[in-house]
């Protein structure tokens, strides 16, 4: 799963989408920063403009499946379940991909606190 810089026209704000399922007991809720992020889905990828850093990012198809849930607020187990429901992957692979994606979002300062 990857996030990468790209050069594309500025995206429009995408409407919110509901998260999958309810919160999982004891798990922190993961959510994107509320400020200065605009995004939209383009050809199966999510294109993001981080206005705070003046950076364009693109998220691959697996990340795009997770993105709407992270916009609304979601737990790690819920993200893993989204990948299991969307792609033909084993649980261990889904968990590694979710962890890598969340680490990448965190490194870029895209997750809220």
PDB file of N, CA and C in Angstrom:
ATOM      1  N   UNK A   1       0.847  -1.143   0.000  1.00  0.00           N
ATOM      2  CA  UNK A   1       0.000   0.000   0.000  1.00  0.00           C
ATOM      3  C   UNK A   1       0.903   1.219   0.000  1.00  0.00           C
ATOM      4  N   UNK A   2       0.561   2.215  -0.800  1.00  0.00           N
ATOM      5  CA  UNK A   2       1.482   3.334  -0.876  1.00  0.00           C
ATOM      6  C   UNK A   2       0.757   4.666  -0.971  1.00  0.00           C
ATOM      7  N   UNK A   3       1.474   5.681  -0.530  1.00  0.00           N
ATOM      8  CA  UNK A   3       1.087   7.060  -0.751  1.00  0.00           C
ATOM      9  C   UNK A   3       2.278   7.663  -1.470  1.00  0.00           C
ATOM     10  N   UNK A   4       2.047   8.418  -2.519  1.00  0.00           N
ATOM     11  CA  UNK A   4       3.167   9.015  -3.211  1.00  0.00           C
ATOM     12  C   UNK A   4       2.799  10.414  -3.663  1.00  0.00           C
ATOM     13  N   UNK A   5       3.821  11.243  -3.827  1.00  0.00           N
ATOM     14  CA  UNK A   5       3.618  12.605  -4.306  1.00  0.00           C
ATOM     15  C   UNK A   5       3.266  12.546  -5.782  1.00  0.00           C
ATOM     16  N   UNK A   6       2.406  13.429  -6.212  1.00  0.00           N
ATOM     17  CA  UNK A   6       2.091  13.482  -7.631  1.00  0.00           C
ATOM     18  C   UNK A   6       1.759  14.918  -8.004  1.00  0.00           C
ATOM     19  N   UNK A   7       1.775  15.182  -9.264  1.00  0.00           N
ATOM     20  CA  UNK A   7       1.447  16.512  -9.764  1.00  0.00           C
ATOM     21  C   UNK A   7       0.152  16.411 -10.543  1.00  0.00           C
ATOM     22  N   UNK A   8      -0.926  16.889  -9.953  1.00  0.00           N
ATOM     23  CA  UNK A   8      -2.243  16.803 -10.575  1.00  0.00           C
ATOM     24  C   UNK A   8      -2.998  18.090 -10.291  1.00  0.00           C
ATOM     25  N   UNK A   9      -4.070  18.372 -11.031  1.00  0.00           N
ATOM     26  CA  UNK A   9      -4.880  19.540 -10.713  1.00  0.00           C
ATOM     27  C   UNK A   9      -5.461  19.421  -9.310  1.00  0.00           C
ATOM     28  N   UNK A  10      -5.723  20.532  -8.681  1.00  0.00           N
ATOM     29  CA  UNK A  10      -6.270  20.539  -7.318  1.00  0.00           C
ATOM     30  C   UNK A  10      -7.587  19.778  -7.264  1.00  0.00           C
ATOM     31  N   UNK A  11      -7.737  18.845  -6.308  1.00  0.00           N
ATOM     32  CA  UNK A  11      -8.974  18.073  -6.195  1.00  0.00           C
ATOM     33  C   UNK A  11     -10.075  18.882  -5.524  1.00  0.00           C
ATOM     34  N   UNK A  12     -11.304  18.509  -5.813  1.00  0.00           N
ATOM     35  CA  UNK A  12     -12.457  19.102  -5.147  1.00  0.00           C
ATOM     36  C   UNK A  12     -12.694  18.339  -3.852  1.00  0.00           C
ATOM     37  N   UNK A  13     -13.402  18.954  -2.903  1.00  0.00           N
ATOM     38  CA  UNK A  13     -13.727  18.275  -1.644  1.00  0.00           C
ATOM     39  C   UNK A  13     -14.727  17.154  -1.936  1.00  0.00           C
ATOM     40  N   UNK A  14     -14.443  15.963  -1.467  1.00  0.00           N
ATOM     41  CA  UNK A  14     -15.306  14.797  -1.644  1.00  0.00           C
ATOM     42  C   UNK A  14     -16.269  14.733  -0.468  1.00  0.00           C
ATOM     43  N   UNK A  15     -17.539  14.405  -0.683  1.00  0.00           N
ATOM     44  CA  UNK A  15     -18.458  14.286   0.445  1.00  0.00           C
ATOM     45  C   UNK A  15     -18.051  13.162   1.381  1.00  0.00           C
ATOM     46  N   UNK A  16     -18.377  13.306   2.656  1.00  0.00           N
ATOM     47  CA  UNK A  16     -18.059  12.270   3.650  1.00  0.00           C
ATOM     48  C   UNK A  16     -18.777  10.981   3.326  1.00  0.00           C
ATOM     49  N   UNK A  17     -18.149   9.888   3.751  1.00  0.00           N
ATOM     50  CA  UNK A  17     -18.755   8.578   3.601  1.00  0.00           C
ATOM     51  C   UNK A  17     -18.732   7.897   4.957  1.00  0.00           C
ATOM     52  N   UNK A  18     -19.731   7.093   5.256  1.00  0.00           N
ATOM     53  CA  UNK A  18     -19.855   6.452   6.576  1.00  0.00           C
ATOM     54  C   UNK A  18     -18.786   5.393   6.786  1.00  0.00           C
ATOM     55  N   UNK A  19     -18.323   5.274   8.014  1.00  0.00           N
ATOM     56  CA  UNK A  19     -17.353   4.243   8.393  1.00  0.00           C
ATOM     57  C   UNK A  19     -18.056   2.891   8.479  1.00  0.00           C
ATOM     58  N   UNK A  20     -17.288   1.835   8.358  1.00  0.00           N
ATOM     59  CA  UNK A  20     -17.808   0.475   8.431  1.00  0.00           C
ATOM     60  C   UNK A  20     -17.970   0.069   9.892  1.00  0.00           C
ATOM     61  N   UNK A  21     -19.157  -0.416  10.262  1.00  0.00           N
ATOM     62  CA  UNK A  21     -19.384  -0.959  11.599  1.00  0.00           C
ATOM     63  C   UNK A  21     -19.205   0.060  12.709  1.00  0.00           C
ATOM     64  N   UNK A  22     -19.381  -0.400  13.952  1.00  0.00           N
ATOM     65  CA  UNK A  22     -19.226   0.465  15.109  1.00  0.00           C
ATOM     66  C   UNK A  22     -17.833   0.352  15.695  1.00  0.00           C
ATOM     67  N   UNK A  23     -17.532   1.177  16.702  1.00  0.00           N
ATOM     68  CA  UNK A  23     -16.211   1.138  17.319  1.00  0.00           C
ATOM     69  C   UNK A  23     -15.933  -0.217  17.961  1.00  0.00           C
ATOM     70  N   UNK A  24     -14.673  -0.594  17.984  1.00  0.00           N
ATOM     71  CA  UNK A  24     -14.246  -1.823  18.634  1.00  0.00           C
ATOM     72  C   UNK A  24     -13.729  -1.452  20.010  1.00  0.00           C
ATOM     73  N   UNK A  25     -14.234  -2.120  21.044  1.00  0.00           N
ATOM     74  CA  UNK A  25     -13.889  -1.801  22.434  1.00  0.00           C
ATOM     75  C   UNK A  25     -12.386  -1.754  22.636  1.00  0.00           C
ATOM     76  N   UNK A  26     -11.927  -0.683  23.281  1.00  0.00           N
ATOM     77  CA  UNK A  26     -10.521  -0.552  23.616  1.00  0.00           C
ATOM     78  C   UNK A  26      -9.624  -0.098  22.488  1.00  0.00           C
ATOM     79  N   UNK A  27     -10.109  -0.009  21.294  1.00  0.00           N
ATOM     80  CA  UNK A  27      -9.289   0.396  20.153  1.00  0.00           C
ATOM     81  C   UNK A  27      -9.408   1.904  19.944  1.00  0.00           C
ATOM     82  N   UNK A  28      -8.284   2.579  19.685  1.00  0.00           N
ATOM     83  CA  UNK A  28      -8.365   4.009  19.408  1.00  0.00           C
ATOM     84  C   UNK A  28      -9.052   4.268  18.068  1.00  0.00           C
ATOM     85  N   UNK A  29      -9.748   5.380  18.011  1.00  0.00           N
ATOM     86  CA  UNK A  29     -10.383   5.801  16.760  1.00  0.00           C
ATOM     87  C   UNK A  29      -9.345   6.558  15.940  1.00  0.00           C
ATOM     88  N   UNK A  30      -9.149   6.130  14.717  1.00  0.00           N
ATOM     89  CA  UNK A  30      -8.204   6.746  13.795  1.00  0.00           C
ATOM     90  C   UNK A  30      -8.982   7.658  12.853  1.00  0.00           C
ATOM     91  N   UNK A  31      -8.496   8.854  12.664  1.00  0.00           N
ATOM     92  CA  UNK A  31      -9.202   9.810  11.817  1.00  0.00           C
ATOM     93  C   UNK A  31      -8.179  10.753  11.201  1.00  0.00           C
ATOM     94  N   UNK A  32      -8.501  11.220   9.990  1.00  0.00           N
ATOM     95  CA  UNK A  32      -7.636  12.188   9.342  1.00  0.00           C
ATOM     96  C   UNK A  32      -7.729  13.539  10.034  1.00  0.00           C
ATOM     97  N   UNK A  33      -6.710  14.342   9.851  1.00  0.00           N
ATOM     98  CA  UNK A  33      -6.729  15.713  10.335  1.00  0.00           C
ATOM     99  C   UNK A  33      -7.971  16.414   9.804  1.00  0.00           C
ATOM    100  N   UNK A  34      -8.540  17.272  10.603  1.00  0.00           N
ATOM    101  CA  UNK A  34      -9.749  17.983  10.187  1.00  0.00           C
ATOM    102  C   UNK A  34      -9.456  19.217   9.340  1.00  0.00           C
ATOM    103  N   UNK A  35      -8.233  19.684   9.351  1.00  0.00           N
ATOM    104  CA  UNK A  35      -7.925  20.949   8.685  1.00  0.00           C
ATOM    105  C   UNK A  35      -7.071  20.767   7.435  1.00  0.00           C
ATOM    106  N   UNK A  36      -7.308  21.589   6.470  1.00  0.00           N
ATOM    107  CA  UNK A  36      -6.429  21.760   5.310  1.00  0.00           C
ATOM    108  C   UNK A  36      -6.173  20.498   4.495  1.00  0.00           C
ATOM    109  N   UNK A  37      -7.131  19.581   4.449  1.00  0.00           N
ATOM    110  CA  UNK A  37      -7.021  18.406   3.579  1.00  0.00           C
ATOM    111  C   UNK A  37      -8.216  18.389   2.630  1.00  0.00           C
ATOM    112  N   UNK A  38      -7.947  18.366   1.355  1.00  0.00           N
ATOM    113  CA  UNK A  38      -8.986  18.200   0.346  1.00  0.00           C
ATOM    114  C   UNK A  38      -8.664  16.929  -0.424  1.00  0.00           C
ATOM    115  N   UNK A  39      -9.697  16.185  -0.814  1.00  0.00           N
ATOM    116  CA  UNK A  39      -9.442  14.937  -1.518  1.00  0.00           C
ATOM    117  C   UNK A  39     -10.607  14.586  -2.427  1.00  0.00           C
ATOM    118  N   UNK A  40     -10.308  13.718  -3.372  1.00  0.00           N
ATOM    119  CA  UNK A  40     -11.349  13.138  -4.216  1.00  0.00           C
ATOM    120  C   UNK A  40     -10.839  11.843  -4.812  1.00  0.00           C
ATOM    121  N   UNK A  41     -11.769  11.000  -5.211  1.00  0.00           N
ATOM    122  CA  UNK A  41     -11.410   9.740  -5.854  1.00  0.00           C
ATOM    123  C   UNK A  41     -11.308   9.971  -7.356  1.00  0.00           C
ATOM    124  N   UNK A  42     -10.219   9.478  -7.943  1.00  0.00           N
ATOM    125  CA  UNK A  42      -9.977   9.608  -9.377  1.00  0.00           C
ATOM    126  C   UNK A  42      -9.475   8.269  -9.894  1.00  0.00           C
ATOM    127  N   UNK A  43     -10.259   7.617 -10.741  1.00  0.00           N
ATOM    128  CA  UNK A  43      -9.850   6.358 -11.369  1.00  0.00           C
ATOM    129  C   UNK A  43      -9.338   5.328 -10.364  1.00  0.00           C
ATOM    130  N   UNK A  44     -10.080   5.133  -9.270  1.00  0.00           N
ATOM    131  CA  UNK A  44      -9.741   4.107  -8.296  1.00  0.00           C
ATOM    132  C   UNK A  44      -8.653   4.490  -7.306  1.00  0.00           C
ATOM    133  N   UNK A  45      -8.145   5.706  -7.411  1.00  0.00           N
ATOM    134  CA  UNK A  45      -7.163   6.205  -6.455  1.00  0.00           C
ATOM    135  C   UNK A  45      -7.760   7.409  -5.747  1.00  0.00           C
ATOM    136  N   UNK A  46      -7.215   7.734  -4.596  1.00  0.00           N
ATOM    137  CA  UNK A  46      -7.600   8.949  -3.899  1.00  0.00           C
ATOM    138  C   UNK A  46      -6.470   9.946  -4.100  1.00  0.00           C
ATOM    139  N   UNK A  47      -6.838  11.134  -4.540  1.00  0.00           N
ATOM    140  CA  UNK A  47      -5.880  12.217  -4.716  1.00  0.00           C
ATOM    141  C   UNK A  47      -6.137  13.218  -3.598  1.00  0.00           C
ATOM    142  N   UNK A  48      -5.067  13.591  -2.903  1.00  0.00           N
ATOM    143  CA  UNK A  48      -5.173  14.431  -1.716  1.00  0.00           C
ATOM    144  C   UNK A  48      -4.342  15.694  -1.911  1.00  0.00           C
ATOM    145  N   UNK A  49      -4.907  16.815  -1.510  1.00  0.00           N
ATOM    146  CA  UNK A  49      -4.153  18.058  -1.435  1.00  0.00           C
ATOM    147  C   UNK A  49      -4.027  18.411   0.037  1.00  0.00           C
ATOM    148  N   UNK A  50      -2.803  18.398   0.531  1.00  0.00           N
ATOM    149  CA  UNK A  50      -2.522  18.850   1.894  1.00  0.00           C
ATOM    150  C   UNK A  50      -2.160  20.323   1.772  1.00  0.00           C
ATOM    151  N   UNK A  51      -3.143  21.178   2.003  1.00  0.00           N
ATOM    152  CA  UNK A  51      -2.932  22.620   1.832  1.00  0.00           C
ATOM    153  C   UNK A  51      -1.942  23.172   2.844  1.00  0.00           C
ATOM    154  N   UNK A  52      -1.849  22.555   4.017  1.00  0.00           N
ATOM    155  CA  UNK A  52      -0.914  23.033   5.036  1.00  0.00           C
ATOM    156  C   UNK A  52       0.528  22.894   4.554  1.00  0.00           C
ATOM    157  N   UNK A  53       0.820  21.815   3.840  1.00  0.00           N
ATOM    158  CA  UNK A  53       2.170  21.590   3.344  1.00  0.00           C
ATOM    159  C   UNK A  53       2.318  21.836   1.857  1.00  0.00           C
ATOM    160  N   UNK A  54       1.240  22.265   1.188  1.00  0.00           N
ATOM    161  CA  UNK A  54       1.237  22.481  -0.265  1.00  0.00           C
ATOM    162  C   UNK A  54       1.745  21.251  -1.009  1.00  0.00           C
ATOM    163  N   UNK A  55       1.214  20.076  -0.633  1.00  0.00           N
ATOM    164  CA  UNK A  55       1.660  18.813  -1.206  1.00  0.00           C
ATOM    165  C   UNK A  55       0.463  18.057  -1.772  1.00  0.00           C
ATOM    166  N   UNK A  56       0.633  17.528  -2.987  1.00  0.00           N
ATOM    167  CA  UNK A  56      -0.340  16.617  -3.577  1.00  0.00           C
ATOM    168  C   UNK A  56       0.110  15.195  -3.289  1.00  0.00           C
ATOM    169  N   UNK A  57      -0.824  14.333  -2.938  1.00  0.00           N
ATOM    170  CA  UNK A  57      -0.540  12.928  -2.694  1.00  0.00           C
ATOM    171  C   UNK A  57      -1.559  12.095  -3.442  1.00  0.00           C
ATOM    172  N   UNK A  58      -1.186  10.878  -3.778  1.00  0.00           N
ATOM    173  CA  UNK A  58      -2.135   9.931  -4.358  1.00  0.00           C
ATOM    174  C   UNK A  58      -2.070   8.646  -3.552  1.00  0.00           C
ATOM    175  N   UNK A  59      -3.202   8.043  -3.341  1.00  0.00           N
ATOM    176  CA  UNK A  59      -3.318   6.818  -2.558  1.00  0.00           C
ATOM    177  C   UNK A  59      -3.778   5.717  -3.504  1.00  0.00           C
ATOM    178  N   UNK A  60      -3.133   4.556  -3.462  1.00  0.00           N
ATOM    179  CA  UNK A  60      -3.468   3.462  -4.367  1.00  0.00           C
ATOM    180  C   UNK A  60      -4.851   2.867  -4.053  1.00  0.00           C
ATOM    181  N   UNK A  61      -5.254   1.854  -4.793  1.00  0.00           N
ATOM    182  CA  UNK A  61      -6.602   1.276  -4.675  1.00  0.00           C
ATOM    183  C   UNK A  61      -6.886   0.727  -3.277  1.00  0.00           C
ATOM    184  N   UNK A  62      -5.909   0.059  -2.669  1.00  0.00           N
ATOM    185  CA  UNK A  62      -6.135  -0.471  -1.319  1.00  0.00           C
ATOM    186  C   UNK A  62      -6.312   0.668  -0.326  1.00  0.00           C
ATOM    187  N   UNK A  63      -5.476   1.686  -0.427  1.00  0.00           N
ATOM    188  CA  UNK A  63      -5.630   2.853   0.434  1.00  0.00           C
ATOM    189  C   UNK A  63      -6.931   3.580   0.173  1.00  0.00           C
ATOM    190  N   UNK A  64      -7.346   3.617  -1.093  1.00  0.00           N
ATOM    191  CA  UNK A  64      -8.613   4.271  -1.450  1.00  0.00           C
ATOM    192  C   UNK A  64      -9.798   3.553  -0.816  1.00  0.00           C
ATOM    193  N   UNK A  65      -9.696   2.237  -0.635  1.00  0.00           N
ATOM    194  CA  UNK A  65     -10.770   1.484   0.026  1.00  0.00           C
ATOM    195  C   UNK A  65     -10.864   1.869   1.503  1.00  0.00           C
ATOM    196  N   UNK A  66      -9.729   2.230   2.104  1.00  0.00           N
ATOM    197  CA  UNK A  66      -9.685   2.578   3.521  1.00  0.00           C
ATOM    198  C   UNK A  66      -9.998   4.054   3.781  1.00  0.00           C
ATOM    199  N   UNK A  67      -9.688   4.892   2.828  1.00  0.00           N
ATOM    200  CA  UNK A  67      -9.738   6.346   3.021  1.00  0.00           C
ATOM    201  C   UNK A  67     -11.076   6.866   3.557  1.00  0.00           C
ATOM    202  N   UNK A  68     -12.222   6.515   2.959  1.00  0.00           N
ATOM    203  CA  UNK A  68     -13.495   7.067   3.465  1.00  0.00           C
ATOM    204  C   UNK A  68     -13.755   6.721   4.932  1.00  0.00           C
ATOM    205  N   UNK A  69     -13.350   5.536   5.362  1.00  0.00           N
ATOM    206  CA  UNK A  69     -13.540   5.152   6.760  1.00  0.00           C
ATOM    207  C   UNK A  69     -12.655   5.994   7.670  1.00  0.00           C
ATOM    208  N   UNK A  70     -11.423   6.274   7.230  1.00  0.00           N
ATOM    209  CA  UNK A  70     -10.510   7.082   8.036  1.00  0.00           C
ATOM    210  C   UNK A  70     -10.998   8.524   8.103  1.00  0.00           C
ATOM    211  N   UNK A  71     -11.658   8.991   7.068  1.00  0.00           N
ATOM    212  CA  UNK A  71     -12.236  10.342   7.090  1.00  0.00           C
ATOM    213  C   UNK A  71     -13.259  10.439   8.223  1.00  0.00           C
ATOM    214  N   UNK A  72     -14.076   9.416   8.375  1.00  0.00           N
ATOM    215  CA  UNK A  72     -15.155   9.422   9.371  1.00  0.00           C
ATOM    216  C   UNK A  72     -14.676   9.065  10.771  1.00  0.00           C
ATOM    217  N   UNK A  73     -13.636   8.259  10.860  1.00  0.00           N
ATOM    218  CA  UNK A  73     -13.147   7.755  12.145  1.00  0.00           C
ATOM    219  C   UNK A  73     -13.398   6.262  12.223  1.00  0.00           C
ATOM    220  N   UNK A  74     -12.343   5.497  12.467  1.00  0.00           N
ATOM    221  CA  UNK A  74     -12.413   4.044  12.378  1.00  0.00           C
ATOM    222  C   UNK A  74     -11.319   3.435  13.251  1.00  0.00           C
ATOM    223  N   UNK A  75     -11.473   2.199  13.626  1.00  0.00           N
ATOM    224  CA  UNK A  75     -10.428   1.505  14.379  1.00  0.00           C
ATOM    225  C   UNK A  75      -9.570   0.674  13.429  1.00  0.00           C
ATOM    226  N   UNK A  76      -8.405   0.276  13.907  1.00  0.00           N
ATOM    227  CA  UNK A  76      -7.528  -0.571  13.101  1.00  0.00           C
ATOM    228  C   UNK A  76      -8.212  -1.875  12.703  1.00  0.00           C
ATOM    229  N   UNK A  77      -8.884  -2.601  13.640  1.00  0.00           N
ATOM    230  CA  UNK A  77      -9.561  -3.834  13.224  1.00  0.00           C
ATOM    231  C   UNK A  77     -10.619  -3.596  12.132  1.00  0.00           C
ATOM    232  N   UNK A  78     -11.280  -2.478  12.181  1.00  0.00           N
ATOM    233  CA  UNK A  78     -12.273  -2.176  11.137  1.00  0.00           C
ATOM    234  C   UNK A  78     -11.578  -1.975   9.793  1.00  0.00           C
ATOM    235  N   UNK A  79     -10.409  -1.320   9.793  1.00  0.00           N
ATOM    236  CA  UNK A  79      -9.663  -1.144   8.549  1.00  0.00           C
ATOM    237  C   UNK A  79      -9.210  -2.485   7.985  1.00  0.00           C
ATOM    238  N   UNK A  80      -8.740  -3.359   8.863  1.00  0.00           N
ATOM    239  CA  UNK A  80      -8.339  -4.698   8.428  1.00  0.00           C
ATOM    240  C   UNK A  80      -9.534  -5.409   7.797  1.00  0.00           C
ATOM    241  N   UNK A  81     -10.693  -5.294   8.413  1.00  0.00           N
ATOM    242  CA  UNK A  81     -11.889  -5.953   7.883  1.00  0.00           C
ATOM    243  C   UNK A  81     -12.281  -5.393   6.522  1.00  0.00           C
ATOM    244  N   UNK A  82     -12.112  -4.096   6.327  1.00  0.00           N
ATOM    245  CA  UNK A  82     -12.410  -3.498   5.022  1.00  0.00           C
ATOM    246  C   UNK A  82     -11.548  -4.137   3.944  1.00  0.00           C
ATOM    247  N   UNK A  83     -10.245  -4.300   4.220  1.00  0.00           N
ATOM    248  CA  UNK A  83      -9.378  -4.942   3.224  1.00  0.00           C
ATOM    249  C   UNK A  83      -9.774  -6.389   2.989  1.00  0.00           C
ATOM    250  N   UNK A  84     -10.122  -7.108   4.047  1.00  0.00           N
ATOM    251  CA  UNK A  84     -10.544  -8.506   3.897  1.00  0.00           C
ATOM    252  C   UNK A  84     -11.821  -8.612   3.072  1.00  0.00           C
ATOM    253  N   UNK A  85     -12.736  -7.671   3.259  1.00  0.00           N
ATOM    254  CA  UNK A  85     -14.003  -7.684   2.521  1.00  0.00           C
ATOM    255  C   UNK A  85     -13.846  -7.228   1.074  1.00  0.00           C
ATOM    256  N   UNK A  86     -12.818  -6.415   0.809  1.00  0.00           N
ATOM    257  CA  UNK A  86     -12.671  -5.799  -0.514  1.00  0.00           C
ATOM    258  C   UNK A  86     -11.716  -6.567  -1.421  1.00  0.00           C
ATOM    259  N   UNK A  87     -10.677  -7.155  -0.834  1.00  0.00           N
ATOM    260  CA  UNK A  87      -9.634  -7.810  -1.623  1.00  0.00           C
ATOM    261  C   UNK A  87      -9.452  -9.253  -1.159  1.00  0.00           C
ATOM    262  N   UNK A  88      -8.937 -10.077  -2.038  1.00  0.00           N
ATOM    263  CA  UNK A  88      -8.660 -11.477  -1.721  1.00  0.00           C
ATOM    264  C   UNK A  88      -7.273 -11.570  -1.084  1.00  0.00           C
ATOM    265  N   UNK A  89      -7.203 -11.235   0.209  1.00  0.00           N
ATOM    266  CA  UNK A  89      -5.937 -11.265   0.939  1.00  0.00           C
ATOM    267  C   UNK A  89      -6.121 -12.007   2.256  1.00  0.00           C
ATOM    268  N   UNK A  90      -5.020 -12.525   2.774  1.00  0.00           N
ATOM    269  CA  UNK A  90      -5.046 -13.177   4.076  1.00  0.00           C
ATOM    270  C   UNK A  90      -5.013 -12.116   5.163  1.00  0.00           C
ATOM    271  N   UNK A  91      -5.523 -12.472   6.350  1.00  0.00           N
ATOM    272  CA  UNK A  91      -5.590 -11.513   7.468  1.00  0.00           C
ATOM    273  C   UNK A  91      -4.218 -10.915   7.779  1.00  0.00           C
ATOM    274  N   UNK A  92      -3.175 -11.729   7.820  1.00  0.00           N
ATOM    275  CA  UNK A  92      -1.837 -11.216   8.156  1.00  0.00           C
ATOM    276  C   UNK A  92      -1.389 -10.156   7.160  1.00  0.00           C
ATOM    277  N   UNK A  93      -1.665 -10.380   5.891  1.00  0.00           N
ATOM    278  CA  UNK A  93      -1.308  -9.400   4.857  1.00  0.00           C
ATOM    279  C   UNK A  93      -2.122  -8.127   5.025  1.00  0.00           C
ATOM    280  N   UNK A  94      -3.424  -8.251   5.288  1.00  0.00           N
ATOM    281  CA  UNK A  94      -4.278  -7.090   5.505  1.00  0.00           C
ATOM    282  C   UNK A  94      -3.786  -6.280   6.707  1.00  0.00           C
ATOM    283  N   UNK A  95      -3.393  -6.962   7.773  1.00  0.00           N
ATOM    284  CA  UNK A  95      -2.893  -6.267   8.965  1.00  0.00           C
ATOM    285  C   UNK A  95      -1.600  -5.517   8.665  1.00  0.00           C
ATOM    286  N   UNK A  96      -0.683  -6.156   7.937  1.00  0.00           N
ATOM    287  CA  UNK A  96       0.579  -5.489   7.574  1.00  0.00           C
ATOM    288  C   UNK A  96       0.310  -4.268   6.697  1.00  0.00           C
ATOM    289  N   UNK A  97      -0.596  -4.418   5.732  1.00  0.00           N
ATOM    290  CA  UNK A  97      -0.909  -3.309   4.838  1.00  0.00           C
ATOM    291  C   UNK A  97      -1.556  -2.147   5.587  1.00  0.00           C
ATOM    292  N   UNK A  98      -2.464  -2.446   6.500  1.00  0.00           N
ATOM    293  CA  UNK A  98      -3.096  -1.392   7.306  1.00  0.00           C
ATOM    294  C   UNK A  98      -2.042  -0.686   8.144  1.00  0.00           C
ATOM    295  N   UNK A  99      -1.161  -1.452   8.793  1.00  0.00           N
ATOM    296  CA  UNK A  99      -0.124  -0.847   9.624  1.00  0.00           C
ATOM    297  C   UNK A  99       0.802   0.042   8.793  1.00  0.00           C
ATOM    298  N   UNK A 100       1.179  -0.409   7.614  1.00  0.00           N
ATOM    299  CA  UNK A 100       2.053   0.377   6.745  1.00  0.00           C
ATOM    300  C   UNK A 100       1.346   1.653   6.288  1.00  0.00           C
ATOM    301  N   UNK A 101       0.077   1.542   5.940  1.00  0.00           N
ATOM    302  CA  UNK A 101      -0.690   2.698   5.484  1.00  0.00           C
ATOM    303  C   UNK A 101      -0.830   3.718   6.611  1.00  0.00           C
ATOM    304  N   UNK A 102      -1.172   3.253   7.808  1.00  0.00           N
ATOM    305  CA  UNK A 102      -1.311   4.163   8.945  1.00  0.00           C
ATOM    306  C   UNK A 102       0.022   4.818   9.290  1.00  0.00           C
ATOM    307  N   UNK A 103       1.115   4.070   9.202  1.00  0.00           N
ATOM    308  CA  UNK A 103       2.440   4.642   9.456  1.00  0.00           C
ATOM    309  C   UNK A 103       2.750   5.735   8.441  1.00  0.00           C
ATOM    310  N   UNK A 104       2.421   5.491   7.184  1.00  0.00           N
ATOM    311  CA  UNK A 104       2.663   6.474   6.134  1.00  0.00           C
ATOM    312  C   UNK A 104       1.831   7.736   6.356  1.00  0.00           C
ATOM    313  N   UNK A 105       0.564   7.561   6.733  1.00  0.00           N
ATOM    314  CA  UNK A 105      -0.283   8.723   7.038  1.00  0.00           C
ATOM    315  C   UNK A 105       0.283   9.499   8.215  1.00  0.00           C
ATOM    316  N   UNK A 106       0.723   8.775   9.241  1.00  0.00           N
ATOM    317  CA  UNK A 106       1.288   9.412  10.421  1.00  0.00           C
ATOM    318  C   UNK A 106       2.560  10.185  10.107  1.00  0.00           C
ATOM    319  N   UNK A 107       3.449   9.595   9.302  1.00  0.00           N
ATOM    320  CA  UNK A 107       4.700  10.260   8.920  1.00  0.00           C
ATOM    321  C   UNK A 107       4.449  11.558   8.183  1.00  0.00           C
ATOM    322  N   UNK A 108       3.363  11.616   7.446  1.00  0.00           N
ATOM    323  CA  UNK A 108       3.026  12.815   6.681  1.00  0.00           C
ATOM    324  C   UNK A 108       2.157  13.795   7.469  1.00  0.00           C
ATOM    325  N   UNK A 109       1.873  13.436   8.712  1.00  0.00           N
ATOM    326  CA  UNK A 109       1.085  14.329   9.555  1.00  0.00           C
ATOM    327  C   UNK A 109      -0.375  14.434   9.155  1.00  0.00           C
ATOM    328  N   UNK A 110      -0.913  13.395   8.519  1.00  0.00           N
ATOM    329  CA  UNK A 110      -2.282  13.434   8.024  1.00  0.00           C
ATOM    330  C   UNK A 110      -3.307  12.923   9.034  1.00  0.00           C
ATOM    331  N   UNK A 111      -2.846  12.214  10.062  1.00  0.00           N
ATOM    332  CA  UNK A 111      -3.782  11.695  11.068  1.00  0.00           C
ATOM    333  C   UNK A 111      -4.032  12.753  12.137  1.00  0.00           C
ATOM    334  N   UNK A 112      -5.280  12.826  12.583  1.00  0.00           N
ATOM    335  CA  UNK A 112      -5.619  13.741  13.656  1.00  0.00           C
ATOM    336  C   UNK A 112      -5.164  13.179  14.985  1.00  0.00           C
ATOM    337  N   UNK A 113      -5.200  14.014  16.000  1.00  0.00           N
ATOM    338  CA  UNK A 113      -4.775  13.531  17.326  1.00  0.00           C
ATOM    339  C   UNK A 113      -5.952  13.279  18.219  1.00  0.00           C
TER     340      UNK A 113
END
